[in-house]
Amino acid sequence: MSRLRRMPRQQQPARPARRRSYDQFCATARALDSVGDRWTLLIVRELLAGPRRYTDLHADLPGVSTDVLASRLKDMEQGGLAVRRRLPPPAAAAVYELTEHGRGLLPVLAALARWGAPALDERRPTDAVRAHWFALPLLRALDGLTPGGVVDVRLPEGEFHLRVGPEAAGEAYGHGPADRPDARLVLDADAVLALGRGGTLADAVRGGGAEVVGEGPLADGLRAGPGPRA
């Protein structure tokens, strides 16, 4: 019996994975083609605070698997929402950061935070929390504040900083305290939730749930507050 020779399998070029689409000629549908997958907008929320390493993103997105996070970041790179670059020495670490197109999602996330704020009536035992997750509702609460500057925000869960006012540029908020803040805002849990639901900072200060630390125009503006928002 003749021996059958195994024929080499013909190599075929890998086909690029086709991203899911709603296939609708609609601006909303096109937007959801890019950011409608689970976790994508929360990754944007993290990157709005500035460049992040993969390990930092994974730590601040409890519940996401490594495979899903890697897949979403790849999709965001392909969609022009984020880029991956290497920091110069001595850091020499790879980080992800938003493009200008990606940073354009800030008002979208701020609107979602406003819409979802009434659902934060009580923290569930399974709920994770990070201090900087309250940055978006606070940005809205401080919208219109003049003069602008950098505000350190201290919550029971930790610290972050905001850039407010007409002079604000670059990342809207950042992790941890700023090097040279213009003022500091100390909030308790009830006050930050009330601000997210549309309350005013002036009311929080008068009620004792907020304390403004510092001197100067920005600190004075924080104490007075920008007033109620529509």
Foldseek 3Di string as FASTA:
>chain_A
DDDDDDDDDDDDDDDDDDQDFPPDPDPVRVVCSQQVDPPRVVLLLVQLQPWDALVVSPVVDPPDDSVVSVVSLVSCVVVQQKDWDADDPPVRGITIHGDPVNNVCLVVVLVVLLVCLVVPPDDDPPDDDAVSVLVSLVQVLQAPQPPWWKEWEQEPRAIKIATYHPVDDRRGIHPHDDPDGQKYKYFYPVVSSCSSNFDHLCVCVVVVRMDIDHDDRRSVSSNVTSDTDD
